[in-house]
Amino acid sequence: MNELVERLVNEAALTPEQAQQAIVTIAGFVKEKFPMLGGAVDQIFSAGNKD
């Protein structure tokens, strides 16, 4: 997840806090629109938190 935050900071000119919130918002959106992906989304982002 740190890599994604870094990319958002560098490529979208967001602060680290804004990047983190964007990720949370996008993950929530994907889980809401595609509930069958909810577990996968959680797993992807929890795996990324170990960095």
C-alpha atoms as a PDB file:
ATOM      1  CA  MET A   1       0.000   0.000   0.000  1.00  0.00           C
ATOM      2  CA  ASN A   2       2.920   2.316   0.652  1.00  0.00           C
ATOM      3  CA  GLU A   3       3.836   2.126  -3.027  1.00  0.00           C
ATOM      4  CA  LEU A   4       0.318   3.171  -4.024  1.00  0.00           C
ATOM      5  CA  VAL A   5       0.360   6.071  -1.562  1.00  0.00           C
ATOM      6  CA  GLU A   6       3.727   7.124  -2.954  1.00  0.00           C
ATOM      7  CA  ARG A   7       2.436   7.050  -6.521  1.00  0.00           C
ATOM      8  CA  LEU A   8      -0.607   9.116  -5.639  1.00  0.00           C
ATOM      9  CA  VAL A   9       1.603  11.642  -3.872  1.00  0.00           C
ATOM     10  CA  ASN A  10       3.986  11.895  -6.827  1.00  0.00           C
ATOM     11  CA  GLU A  11       1.635  11.523  -9.780  1.00  0.00           C
ATOM     12  CA  ALA A  12      -1.536  13.161  -8.487  1.00  0.00           C
ATOM     13  CA  ALA A  13       0.122  15.742  -6.246  1.00  0.00           C
ATOM     14  CA  LEU A  14      -1.813  14.584  -3.182  1.00  0.00           C
ATOM     15  CA  THR A  15      -0.591  14.784   0.371  1.00  0.00           C
ATOM     16  CA  PRO A  16       0.050  11.399   2.001  1.00  0.00           C
ATOM     17  CA  GLU A  17      -3.124  11.864   4.045  1.00  0.00           C
ATOM     18  CA  GLN A  18      -5.168  12.642   0.926  1.00  0.00           C
ATOM     19  CA  ALA A  19      -3.680   9.642  -0.861  1.00  0.00           C
ATOM     20  CA  GLN A  20      -4.571   7.362   2.047  1.00  0.00           C
ATOM     21  CA  GLN A  21      -8.141   8.663   2.099  1.00  0.00           C
ATOM     22  CA  ALA A  22      -8.434   8.247  -1.679  1.00  0.00           C
ATOM     23  CA  ILE A  23      -7.417   4.599  -1.331  1.00  0.00           C
ATOM     24  CA  VAL A  24      -9.962   4.003   1.434  1.00  0.00           C
ATOM     25  CA  THR A  25     -12.658   5.696  -0.668  1.00  0.00           C
ATOM     26  CA  ILE A  26     -11.837   3.685  -3.789  1.00  0.00           C
ATOM     27  CA  ALA A  27     -11.724   0.404  -1.855  1.00  0.00           C
ATOM     28  CA  GLY A  28     -15.123   1.186  -0.324  1.00  0.00           C
ATOM     29  CA  PHE A  29     -16.554   2.050  -3.729  1.00  0.00           C
ATOM     30  CA  VAL A  30     -15.321  -1.191  -5.287  1.00  0.00           C
ATOM     31  CA  LYS A  31     -16.704  -3.230  -2.384  1.00  0.00           C
ATOM     32  CA  GLU A  32     -20.069  -1.449  -2.637  1.00  0.00           C
ATOM     33  CA  LYS A  33     -20.433  -1.816  -6.404  1.00  0.00           C
ATOM     34  CA  PHE A  34     -18.908  -5.287  -6.637  1.00  0.00           C
ATOM     35  CA  PRO A  35     -19.668  -7.062  -3.351  1.00  0.00           C
ATOM     36  CA  MET A  36     -18.281 -10.334  -4.677  1.00  0.00           C
ATOM     37  CA  LEU A  37     -14.843  -8.656  -4.733  1.00  0.00           C
ATOM     38  CA  GLY A  38     -15.065  -7.452  -1.133  1.00  0.00           C
ATOM     39  CA  GLY A  39     -12.873 -10.185   0.305  1.00  0.00           C
ATOM     40  CA  ALA A  40     -10.296  -9.745  -2.438  1.00  0.00           C
ATOM     41  CA  VAL A  41     -10.199  -5.975  -1.920  1.00  0.00           C
ATOM     42  CA  ASP A  42      -9.715  -6.443   1.824  1.00  0.00           C
ATOM     43  CA  GLN A  43      -6.984  -8.989   1.234  1.00  0.00           C
ATOM     44  CA  ILE A  44      -5.155  -6.807  -1.275  1.00  0.00           C
ATOM     45  CA  PHE A  45      -5.131  -3.789   0.996  1.00  0.00           C
ATOM     46  CA  SER A  46      -4.323  -5.717   4.168  1.00  0.00           C
ATOM     47  CA  ALA A  47      -1.383  -7.366   2.383  1.00  0.00           C
ATOM     48  CA  GLY A  48      -0.192  -3.936   1.305  1.00  0.00           C
ATOM     49  CA  ASN A  49      -0.226  -2.675   4.896  1.00  0.00           C
ATOM     50  CA  LYS A  50       2.606  -5.036   5.798  1.00  0.00           C
ATOM     51  CA  ASP A  51       5.116  -2.954   3.784  1.00  0.00           C
END
